[in-house]
N, C-alpha and C. Protein backbone atom coordinates (compact mmCIF):
# COMPACT_ATOMS: atom_id res chain seq x y z
N MET A 1 0.84 -1.16 0.00
CA MET A 1 0.00 0.00 0.00
C MET A 1 0.89 1.23 0.00
N LYS A 2 0.56 2.18 -0.84
CA LYS A 2 1.29 3.44 -0.92
C LYS A 2 0.32 4.55 -0.55
N ILE A 3 0.68 5.31 0.46
CA ILE A 3 -0.13 6.45 0.89
C ILE A 3 0.45 7.71 0.27
N CYS A 4 -0.40 8.50 -0.35
CA CYS A 4 0.03 9.74 -1.02
C CYS A 4 -0.59 10.93 -0.30
N THR A 5 0.24 11.91 0.04
CA THR A 5 -0.27 13.11 0.68
C THR A 5 -0.91 14.07 -0.33
N ASN A 6 -0.55 13.89 -1.59
CA ASN A 6 -1.11 14.72 -2.65
C ASN A 6 -2.11 13.89 -3.46
N PRO A 7 -3.41 14.14 -3.31
CA PRO A 7 -4.42 13.34 -4.00
C PRO A 7 -4.24 13.33 -5.53
N GLU A 8 -3.78 14.44 -6.09
CA GLU A 8 -3.57 14.50 -7.54
C GLU A 8 -2.52 13.48 -7.98
N TYR A 9 -1.46 13.33 -7.18
CA TYR A 9 -0.40 12.37 -7.48
C TYR A 9 -0.94 10.94 -7.43
N ALA A 10 -1.72 10.62 -6.43
CA ALA A 10 -2.28 9.26 -6.30
C ALA A 10 -3.17 8.93 -7.49
N ILE A 11 -3.98 9.86 -7.91
CA ILE A 11 -4.89 9.63 -9.03
C ILE A 11 -4.10 9.44 -10.32
N LYS A 12 -3.09 10.30 -10.55
CA LYS A 12 -2.28 10.19 -11.77
C LYS A 12 -1.50 8.88 -11.80
N GLU A 13 -0.88 8.50 -10.69
CA GLU A 13 -0.11 7.26 -10.66
C GLU A 13 -1.04 6.06 -10.83
N GLY A 14 -2.21 6.10 -10.21
CA GLY A 14 -3.18 5.03 -10.38
C GLY A 14 -3.61 4.89 -11.83
N ASP A 15 -3.83 6.02 -12.50
CA ASP A 15 -4.21 6.00 -13.92
C ASP A 15 -3.11 5.39 -14.78
N VAL A 16 -1.87 5.76 -14.51
CA VAL A 16 -0.74 5.20 -15.27
C VAL A 16 -0.63 3.69 -15.04
N LEU A 17 -0.77 3.26 -13.80
CA LEU A 17 -0.71 1.83 -13.51
C LEU A 17 -1.85 1.07 -14.18
N LYS A 18 -3.03 1.66 -14.25
CA LYS A 18 -4.16 1.01 -14.94
C LYS A 18 -3.83 0.79 -16.40
N ILE A 19 -3.24 1.80 -17.04
CA ILE A 19 -2.88 1.69 -18.46
C ILE A 19 -1.79 0.63 -18.67
N ALA A 20 -0.85 0.54 -17.73
CA ALA A 20 0.31 -0.34 -17.89
C ALA A 20 0.06 -1.78 -17.46
N GLN A 21 -1.14 -2.14 -17.09
CA GLN A 21 -1.41 -3.48 -16.57
C GLN A 21 -1.15 -4.60 -17.58
N GLU A 22 -1.09 -4.27 -18.86
CA GLU A 22 -0.82 -5.29 -19.87
C GLU A 22 0.65 -5.72 -19.86
N SER A 23 1.53 -4.92 -19.29
CA SER A 23 2.95 -5.22 -19.26
C SER A 23 3.25 -6.25 -18.17
N SER A 24 4.13 -7.18 -18.49
CA SER A 24 4.51 -8.20 -17.50
C SER A 24 5.53 -7.67 -16.50
N THR A 25 6.07 -6.48 -16.73
CA THR A 25 7.08 -5.93 -15.84
C THR A 25 6.52 -4.92 -14.84
N ILE A 26 5.25 -4.61 -14.95
CA ILE A 26 4.62 -3.65 -14.05
C ILE A 26 3.84 -4.40 -12.98
N GLN A 27 3.96 -3.94 -11.74
CA GLN A 27 3.24 -4.60 -10.65
C GLN A 27 1.73 -4.50 -10.85
N ARG A 28 1.02 -5.49 -10.34
CA ARG A 28 -0.44 -5.52 -10.44
C ARG A 28 -1.03 -4.44 -9.55
N LEU A 29 -1.97 -3.74 -10.10
CA LEU A 29 -2.72 -2.72 -9.37
C LEU A 29 -3.99 -3.36 -8.85
N TYR A 30 -4.22 -3.27 -7.55
CA TYR A 30 -5.43 -3.84 -6.96
C TYR A 30 -6.51 -2.78 -6.74
N GLU A 31 -6.08 -1.59 -6.31
CA GLU A 31 -7.06 -0.54 -6.04
C GLU A 31 -6.32 0.81 -5.93
N ALA A 32 -6.97 1.86 -6.36
CA ALA A 32 -6.41 3.21 -6.21
C ALA A 32 -7.51 4.15 -5.78
N GLY A 33 -7.20 5.00 -4.81
CA GLY A 33 -8.16 5.97 -4.32
C GLY A 33 -7.55 7.36 -4.35
N GLN A 34 -8.17 8.30 -3.68
CA GLN A 34 -7.70 9.69 -3.72
C GLN A 34 -6.39 9.92 -2.98
N ASN A 35 -6.06 9.05 -2.04
CA ASN A 35 -4.79 9.23 -1.34
C ASN A 35 -4.05 7.92 -1.10
N TYR A 36 -4.38 6.89 -1.85
CA TYR A 36 -3.69 5.61 -1.66
C TYR A 36 -3.70 4.79 -2.96
N ILE A 37 -2.73 3.88 -3.02
CA ILE A 37 -2.65 2.92 -4.12
C ILE A 37 -2.30 1.58 -3.50
N ILE A 38 -3.05 0.56 -3.83
CA ILE A 38 -2.75 -0.79 -3.37
C ILE A 38 -2.29 -1.57 -4.59
N MET A 39 -1.03 -2.05 -4.53
CA MET A 39 -0.45 -2.75 -5.66
C MET A 39 0.43 -3.89 -5.19
N GLU A 40 0.76 -4.74 -6.11
CA GLU A 40 1.65 -5.88 -5.84
C GLU A 40 3.02 -5.36 -5.40
N TYR A 41 3.64 -6.03 -4.44
CA TYR A 41 4.98 -5.67 -4.00
C TYR A 41 5.98 -6.52 -4.78
N LEU A 42 6.94 -5.88 -5.42
CA LEU A 42 7.98 -6.58 -6.16
C LEU A 42 9.33 -6.30 -5.51
N GLU A 43 10.08 -7.34 -5.25
CA GLU A 43 11.41 -7.21 -4.66
C GLU A 43 12.41 -7.07 -5.80
N ARG A 44 12.73 -5.82 -6.14
CA ARG A 44 13.66 -5.54 -7.23
C ARG A 44 14.50 -4.33 -6.87
N SER A 45 15.56 -4.13 -7.64
CA SER A 45 16.38 -2.93 -7.47
C SER A 45 15.61 -1.72 -7.94
N THR A 46 15.84 -0.59 -7.30
CA THR A 46 15.23 0.66 -7.75
C THR A 46 16.05 1.18 -8.93
N LEU A 47 15.51 2.15 -9.65
CA LEU A 47 16.24 2.76 -10.75
C LEU A 47 17.53 3.39 -10.23
N PHE A 48 17.46 4.06 -9.08
CA PHE A 48 18.66 4.66 -8.50
C PHE A 48 19.73 3.61 -8.22
N GLN A 49 19.35 2.48 -7.62
CA GLN A 49 20.31 1.41 -7.34
C GLN A 49 20.91 0.86 -8.63
N TYR A 50 20.07 0.67 -9.62
CA TYR A 50 20.51 0.15 -10.91
C TYR A 50 21.59 1.05 -11.49
N LEU A 51 21.34 2.36 -11.51
CA LEU A 51 22.30 3.30 -12.07
C LEU A 51 23.53 3.44 -11.17
N ASP A 52 23.33 3.38 -9.85
CA ASP A 52 24.43 3.49 -8.90
C ASP A 52 25.42 2.33 -9.05
N PHE A 53 24.92 1.15 -9.44
CA PHE A 53 25.79 -0.01 -9.68
C PHE A 53 26.61 0.17 -10.95
N GLY A 54 26.26 1.17 -11.77
CA GLY A 54 26.98 1.41 -13.02
C GLY A 54 26.43 0.62 -14.19
N TRP A 55 25.25 0.01 -14.00
CA TRP A 55 24.65 -0.75 -15.08
C TRP A 55 24.08 0.19 -16.13
N VAL A 56 24.08 -0.24 -17.36
CA VAL A 56 23.59 0.58 -18.47
C VAL A 56 22.15 0.18 -18.79
N LEU A 57 21.31 1.17 -19.03
CA LEU A 57 19.92 0.88 -19.41
C LEU A 57 19.87 0.61 -20.91
N SER A 58 19.40 -0.56 -21.28
CA SER A 58 19.25 -0.89 -22.69
C SER A 58 18.00 -0.21 -23.23
N GLY A 59 17.90 -0.11 -24.56
CA GLY A 59 16.71 0.45 -25.17
C GLY A 59 15.47 -0.35 -24.80
N LYS A 60 15.62 -1.68 -24.75
CA LYS A 60 14.49 -2.55 -24.39
C LYS A 60 14.01 -2.26 -22.97
N LEU A 61 14.96 -2.11 -22.05
CA LEU A 61 14.60 -1.84 -20.66
C LEU A 61 13.94 -0.48 -20.51
N MET A 62 14.40 0.51 -21.25
CA MET A 62 13.80 1.84 -21.19
C MET A 62 12.37 1.83 -21.71
N ARG A 63 12.10 1.02 -22.73
CA ARG A 63 10.72 0.93 -23.26
C ARG A 63 9.83 0.32 -22.22
């Protein structure tokens, strides 16, 4: 569960996650409200960690 202090942010992120549900790399969205998002938890490196390790983003990964 992600709690958002800015309702506009929660709605926008929820909308993006709804659109991206066809992708196998995006976490499942269960519910989104005005100040929260409930989604699948994935144990993965963050973008910051990925770049901090010095790994290069491929075109495929960026898409």
